[in-house]
Amino acid sequence: MRTGLSQRGWNNVLIFASLFMIVLFNSTHQRFVSNENNKVKRTLIDSNSLIQNIDYSGLRFERIGANWRTVSAITLDKELIPADVVSHWTSTSIELLTNEPAINSSNTRLPISVDVLGTKQTLIFEFIIDNDLGLVYVFDHHLAQWMMIDQSQLPLFIPLVLLNITS
């Protein structure tokens, strides 16, 4: 008398064990996935919008047809390409914050105004640099929203020549 399972019985055991593992992994995969995907992100300016000019205090990029003109009261690097900086405003996603961050009065504040084609109101963004945490908080005055970027991402939005002046 045989006490083991037949080949057909073992096949059924393997099939049901595999199905059980698939169901188990599908139901618990959220525990293994990082929370990075749960963060809400947006771009500073809608990707469909056409930026007319960006005014950093002391530096202004103005659209002239398909090109950019730089109006500056400070000496600029020849390597500064306004189109690269402006493109990040419409393409780089940054994290939205649900609550207002705790900001010290000693943190550096950089207000930037942006004119977008088709809007009557100038959009004002305030970049607040927190050197202690290595973060930059961005406040969109038009939508009253707080956002956050890593300090290493700041040169994507603000030319380095301005960051060297403010530090």
Protein backbone atom coordinates (compact mmCIF):
# COMPACT_ATOMS: atom_id res chain seq x y z
CA MET A 1 0.00 0.00 0.00
CA ARG A 2 1.41 3.43 -1.06
CA THR A 3 1.29 6.26 1.40
CA GLY A 4 2.66 9.07 -0.85
CA LEU A 5 0.83 11.24 -3.37
CA SER A 6 0.72 10.34 -7.01
CA GLN A 7 2.40 12.53 -9.61
CA ARG A 8 -0.97 14.11 -10.38
CA GLY A 9 -1.49 14.83 -6.68
CA TRP A 10 1.91 16.52 -6.36
CA ASN A 11 1.16 18.61 -9.45
CA ASN A 12 -2.05 19.82 -7.80
CA VAL A 13 -0.15 20.67 -4.61
CA LEU A 14 2.39 22.73 -6.59
CA ILE A 15 -0.34 24.53 -8.54
CA PHE A 16 -2.26 25.50 -5.40
CA ALA A 17 0.93 26.50 -3.56
CA SER A 18 1.90 28.76 -6.49
CA LEU A 19 -1.57 30.32 -6.58
CA PHE A 20 -1.41 30.90 -2.83
CA MET A 21 1.98 32.66 -3.17
CA ILE A 22 0.65 34.87 -5.99
CA VAL A 23 -2.37 35.91 -3.91
CA LEU A 24 -0.13 36.50 -0.87
CA PHE A 25 2.30 38.73 -2.78
CA ASN A 26 -0.49 40.68 -4.49
CA SER A 27 -2.21 41.42 -1.20
CA THR A 28 0.93 42.44 0.72
CA HIS A 29 3.00 44.21 -1.94
CA GLN A 30 2.27 47.64 -0.40
CA ARG A 31 4.44 46.74 2.57
CA PHE A 32 7.44 46.23 0.32
CA VAL A 33 6.92 49.24 -1.94
CA SER A 34 8.44 52.53 -0.73
CA ASN A 35 6.21 55.48 0.07
CA GLU A 36 8.00 57.57 -2.60
CA ASN A 37 5.16 56.92 -5.04
CA ASN A 38 2.55 58.19 -2.57
CA LYS A 39 3.96 61.73 -2.56
CA VAL A 40 1.95 64.23 -4.56
CA LYS A 41 4.06 66.16 -7.04
CA ARG A 42 3.55 68.98 -9.52
CA THR A 43 5.57 71.30 -11.69
CA LEU A 44 5.91 74.95 -10.75
CA ILE A 45 4.34 76.06 -14.03
CA ASP A 46 1.94 73.89 -16.05
CA SER A 47 3.78 72.17 -18.89
CA ASN A 48 1.27 73.55 -21.43
CA SER A 49 1.93 77.15 -20.35
CA LEU A 50 4.22 79.50 -22.22
CA ILE A 51 6.49 81.52 -19.94
CA GLN A 52 6.97 85.11 -21.13
CA ASN A 53 9.57 86.14 -18.55
CA ILE A 54 11.07 85.20 -15.22
CA ASP A 55 12.24 87.98 -12.94
CA TYR A 56 14.79 87.07 -10.28
CA SER A 57 15.73 90.17 -8.30
CA GLY A 58 18.65 91.49 -10.36
CA LEU A 59 18.25 89.10 -13.30
CA ARG A 60 15.46 88.80 -15.83
CA PHE A 61 14.89 86.30 -18.65
CA GLU A 62 12.57 87.63 -21.37
CA ARG A 63 11.17 85.62 -24.25
CA ILE A 64 12.00 87.08 -27.67
CA GLY A 65 10.23 84.81 -30.16
CA ALA A 66 11.71 81.35 -29.66
CA ASN A 67 14.84 82.68 -27.92
CA TRP A 68 15.60 84.33 -24.59
CA ARG A 69 17.11 87.69 -23.73
CA THR A 70 18.91 88.20 -20.43
CA VAL A 71 18.59 91.55 -18.68
CA SER A 72 20.95 91.71 -15.74
CA ALA A 73 22.43 94.15 -13.26
CA ILE A 74 25.11 91.59 -12.35
CA THR A 75 27.94 89.98 -14.28
CA LEU A 76 26.86 86.64 -15.74
CA ASP A 77 28.70 83.51 -16.79
CA LYS A 78 28.85 82.91 -20.52
CA GLU A 79 27.66 79.35 -19.79
CA LEU A 80 24.28 80.51 -18.49
CA ILE A 81 21.61 79.33 -20.92
CA PRO A 82 18.21 80.82 -20.00
CA ALA A 83 16.27 78.19 -21.99
CA ASP A 84 17.68 75.41 -19.77
CA VAL A 85 16.65 77.15 -16.54
CA VAL A 86 13.21 78.11 -17.87
CA SER A 87 12.49 74.56 -19.09
CA HIS A 88 12.86 73.19 -15.55
CA TRP A 89 10.02 75.43 -14.37
CA THR A 90 7.61 73.52 -16.63
CA SER A 91 9.15 70.04 -16.58
CA THR A 92 10.65 69.23 -13.16
CA SER A 93 8.16 67.76 -10.67
CA ILE A 94 8.49 68.77 -7.05
CA GLU A 95 6.80 67.48 -3.92
CA LEU A 96 3.70 69.20 -2.56
CA LEU A 97 3.47 69.66 1.21
CA THR A 98 0.20 69.20 3.05
CA ASN A 99 1.15 71.52 5.92
CA GLU A 100 3.04 74.77 6.17
CA PRO A 101 6.67 74.06 7.11
CA ALA A 102 8.35 75.56 10.17
CA ILE A 103 10.51 78.35 8.78
CA ASN A 104 13.11 80.39 10.66
CA SER A 105 13.39 84.11 10.09
CA SER A 106 17.10 83.56 9.39
CA ASN A 107 16.39 81.42 6.31
CA THR A 108 17.26 83.01 2.96
CA ARG A 109 14.20 84.05 0.92
CA LEU A 110 14.28 84.50 -2.85
CA PRO A 111 11.09 85.90 -4.40
CA ILE A 112 10.70 85.21 -8.11
CA SER A 113 7.97 86.52 -10.39
CA VAL A 114 6.89 84.72 -13.55
CA ASP A 115 4.69 86.05 -16.34
CA VAL A 116 2.82 83.36 -18.25
CA LEU A 117 1.07 83.93 -21.57
CA GLY A 118 -2.70 84.02 -21.12
CA THR A 119 -2.72 84.96 -17.44
CA LYS A 120 -3.47 88.47 -16.21
CA GLN A 121 -1.70 88.07 -12.90
CA THR A 122 2.04 87.68 -12.38
CA LEU A 123 2.82 84.41 -10.59
CA ILE A 124 5.03 84.86 -7.54
CA PHE A 125 7.09 82.03 -6.08
CA GLU A 126 9.11 82.40 -2.92
CA PHE A 127 12.07 80.06 -2.50
CA ILE A 128 13.05 79.71 1.17
CA ILE A 129 16.43 78.04 1.71
CA ASP A 130 16.85 76.04 4.93
CA ASN A 131 20.60 75.37 5.13
CA ASP A 132 20.24 73.41 8.38
CA LEU A 133 18.01 70.74 6.82
CA GLY A 134 19.38 71.01 3.29
CA LEU A 135 15.90 71.71 1.94
CA VAL A 136 14.28 74.48 -0.04
CA TYR A 137 10.63 75.33 0.53
CA VAL A 138 8.75 76.91 -2.35
CA PHE A 139 5.58 78.90 -1.73
CA ASP A 140 3.28 79.51 -4.69
CA HIS A 141 1.49 82.75 -3.76
CA HIS A 142 -1.05 82.35 -6.57
CA LEU A 143 -2.30 78.92 -5.44
CA ALA A 144 -1.24 79.28 -1.77
CA GLN A 145 0.60 75.95 -1.92
CA TRP A 146 3.81 74.85 -0.22
CA MET A 147 6.27 72.64 -2.04
CA MET A 148 9.67 71.23 -1.18
CA ILE A 149 12.84 70.39 -3.09
CA ASP A 150 16.26 69.20 -2.05
CA GLN A 151 18.83 71.98 -1.90
CA SER A 152 20.83 70.24 -4.64
CA GLN A 153 17.90 70.86 -7.04
CA LEU A 154 17.86 74.61 -6.48
CA PRO A 155 20.22 75.44 -9.41
CA LEU A 156 17.65 73.87 -11.73
CA PHE A 157 15.30 76.77 -10.98
CA ILE A 158 17.62 79.60 -9.98
CA PRO A 159 20.91 80.34 -11.79
CA LEU A 160 24.03 79.63 -9.74
CA VAL A 161 25.28 83.18 -10.13
CA LEU A 162 22.31 84.38 -8.04
CA LEU A 163 22.77 81.65 -5.45
CA ASN A 164 26.42 82.63 -4.96
CA ILE A 165 25.39 86.25 -4.33
CA THR A 166 22.77 85.34 -1.71
CA SER A 167 24.91 82.86 0.23
